[in-house]
Amino acid sequence: MITTHFPKPTNTFVRFLLVGVINTLVGLSSIFLLLDVVSLSYWLSTFVGHSIGAGVSYMLNRQFTFASKAMHGKSIPLFVLVILSCYFLSFSMSKMISGFIFTQYTNEIAVFLGTGLYTVMNYLGQKYLVFSS
């Protein structure tokens, strides 16, 4: 049957992606508001936008995605470490890559590319480091 090749709805990556839709709506809306309306810098806009989404992400992923029993005292510092590492790696790489694209929308392209990289790295970090217990 064709459906046997699709991930089960209980798959943690599928749930992570569902939570990611909410995080993306919150985070990217914040980023573009700060970047294009408030005219904050690329770094400040992406950092603040992802910080806002991170609070939502922690709670939803802890309970809904991974059903983790990890203690907050252990999981919150690891979560912050993973989020910050993923943020700096993904958005530094995307900013560098987008610099080769000659357009007035270089920052916007970097945001979308960075978001994809961030999602994959963040999932792996949260699954195997933050909420593994």
Protein backbone atom coordinates (compact mmCIF):
# COMPACT_ATOMS: atom_id res chain seq x y z
CA MET A 1 0.00 0.00 0.00
CA ILE A 2 1.24 3.50 -0.82
CA THR A 3 0.66 4.93 2.66
CA THR A 4 3.20 2.55 4.18
CA HIS A 5 5.99 4.78 2.84
CA PHE A 6 4.79 7.89 4.63
CA PRO A 7 5.93 8.68 8.18
CA LYS A 8 3.51 7.73 10.89
CA PRO A 9 1.63 10.68 12.47
CA THR A 10 3.33 9.79 15.75
CA ASN A 11 6.78 10.20 14.21
CA THR A 12 8.72 12.79 16.23
CA PHE A 13 9.99 14.54 13.10
CA VAL A 14 6.43 14.99 11.80
CA ARG A 15 5.37 16.43 15.16
CA PHE A 16 8.51 18.58 15.21
CA LEU A 17 7.55 19.94 11.80
CA LEU A 18 4.01 20.70 12.99
CA VAL A 19 5.41 22.63 15.92
CA GLY A 20 7.79 24.21 13.45
CA VAL A 21 4.87 25.60 11.46
CA ILE A 22 3.79 27.51 14.54
CA ASN A 23 7.37 28.56 15.30
CA THR A 24 7.86 29.64 11.71
CA LEU A 25 4.74 31.76 11.71
CA VAL A 26 5.71 33.41 14.97
CA GLY A 27 9.45 33.66 14.29
CA LEU A 28 9.41 34.74 10.64
CA SER A 29 6.61 37.21 11.23
CA SER A 30 8.70 38.73 13.98
CA ILE A 31 11.86 38.71 11.87
CA PHE A 32 10.31 40.40 8.85
CA LEU A 33 8.47 42.91 11.01
CA LEU A 34 11.73 43.84 12.73
CA LEU A 35 13.79 43.72 9.52
CA ASP A 36 11.47 45.49 7.08
CA VAL A 37 9.12 47.61 9.21
CA VAL A 38 11.24 48.54 12.23
CA SER A 39 14.46 48.50 10.11
CA LEU A 40 16.56 46.63 12.64
CA SER A 41 19.71 44.90 11.42
CA TYR A 42 19.71 41.40 9.96
CA TRP A 43 21.40 39.94 13.05
CA LEU A 44 19.17 41.64 15.60
CA SER A 45 16.01 40.83 13.62
CA THR A 46 16.85 37.15 13.22
CA PHE A 47 18.06 36.81 16.81
CA VAL A 48 14.98 38.44 18.38
CA GLY A 49 12.58 36.64 16.03
CA HIS A 50 14.06 33.26 16.82
CA SER A 51 14.19 34.03 20.52
CA ILE A 52 10.45 34.66 20.49
CA GLY A 53 9.85 31.39 18.64
CA ALA A 54 12.21 29.53 20.98
CA GLY A 55 9.96 29.96 24.01
CA VAL A 56 7.04 28.48 22.11
CA SER A 57 9.30 25.78 20.69
CA TYR A 58 10.58 24.61 24.07
CA MET A 59 7.14 24.11 25.57
CA LEU A 60 5.52 22.48 22.53
CA ASN A 61 8.46 20.23 21.71
CA ARG A 62 8.95 19.17 25.30
CA GLN A 63 5.35 18.08 25.69
CA PHE A 64 3.90 17.40 22.23
CA THR A 65 6.86 16.32 20.10
CA PHE A 66 9.10 14.36 22.44
CA ALA A 67 6.90 13.84 25.52
CA SER A 68 10.03 14.41 27.53
CA LYS A 69 10.37 13.93 31.26
CA ALA A 70 13.76 15.65 31.28
CA MET A 71 14.15 18.02 34.19
CA HIS A 72 13.84 21.70 33.29
CA GLY A 73 17.11 22.41 35.09
CA LYS A 74 18.92 20.16 32.62
CA SER A 75 16.84 20.59 29.49
CA ILE A 76 16.52 24.39 29.42
CA PRO A 77 20.29 25.08 29.37
CA LEU A 78 20.78 22.38 26.72
CA PHE A 79 17.86 23.80 24.73
CA VAL A 80 19.40 27.28 24.82
CA LEU A 81 22.80 25.86 23.79
CA VAL A 82 21.28 23.94 20.87
CA ILE A 83 19.15 26.91 19.77
CA LEU A 84 22.09 29.32 19.88
CA SER A 85 24.46 26.91 18.14
CA CYS A 86 21.94 26.20 15.40
CA TYR A 87 21.15 29.90 15.05
CA PHE A 88 24.74 31.05 14.63
CA LEU A 89 25.77 28.15 12.38
CA SER A 90 22.75 28.24 10.08
CA PHE A 91 22.37 31.99 9.75
CA SER A 92 26.11 32.59 9.34
CA MET A 93 26.23 29.99 6.59
CA SER A 94 23.10 31.34 4.89
CA LYS A 95 24.33 34.93 5.07
CA MET A 96 27.61 33.90 3.48
CA ILE A 97 25.89 31.86 0.75
CA SER A 98 23.33 34.56 -0.02
CA GLY A 99 26.17 37.06 -0.43
CA PHE A 100 26.94 35.39 -3.75
CA ILE A 101 23.45 36.26 -5.01
CA PHE A 102 23.40 39.77 -6.39
CA THR A 103 19.94 41.06 -5.56
CA GLN A 104 18.39 43.65 -3.33
CA TYR A 105 16.75 40.81 -1.36
CA THR A 106 19.97 39.21 -0.12
CA ASN A 107 18.91 39.39 3.54
CA GLU A 108 15.49 37.91 2.82
CA ILE A 109 17.05 35.02 0.86
CA ALA A 110 19.48 34.45 3.75
CA VAL A 111 16.56 34.31 6.21
CA PHE A 112 14.76 31.59 4.22
CA LEU A 113 17.90 29.54 3.61
CA GLY A 114 18.95 29.90 7.25
CA THR A 115 15.51 28.79 8.41
CA GLY A 116 15.82 25.51 6.51
CA LEU A 117 19.28 24.79 7.85
CA TYR A 118 18.21 25.79 11.34
CA THR A 119 15.21 23.42 11.26
CA VAL A 120 17.24 20.30 10.48
CA MET A 121 20.06 21.06 12.91
CA ASN A 122 17.62 22.06 15.65
CA TYR A 123 15.59 18.84 15.33
CA LEU A 124 18.69 16.68 15.67
CA GLY A 125 19.96 18.67 18.66
CA GLN A 126 16.63 18.63 20.47
CA LYS A 127 15.98 14.96 19.82
CA TYR A 128 19.42 13.64 20.76
CA LEU A 129 20.62 16.18 23.33
CA VAL A 130 17.81 18.17 24.93
CA PHE A 131 14.84 15.83 25.23
CA SER A 132 16.55 12.43 25.08
CA SER A 133 15.81 11.42 28.66
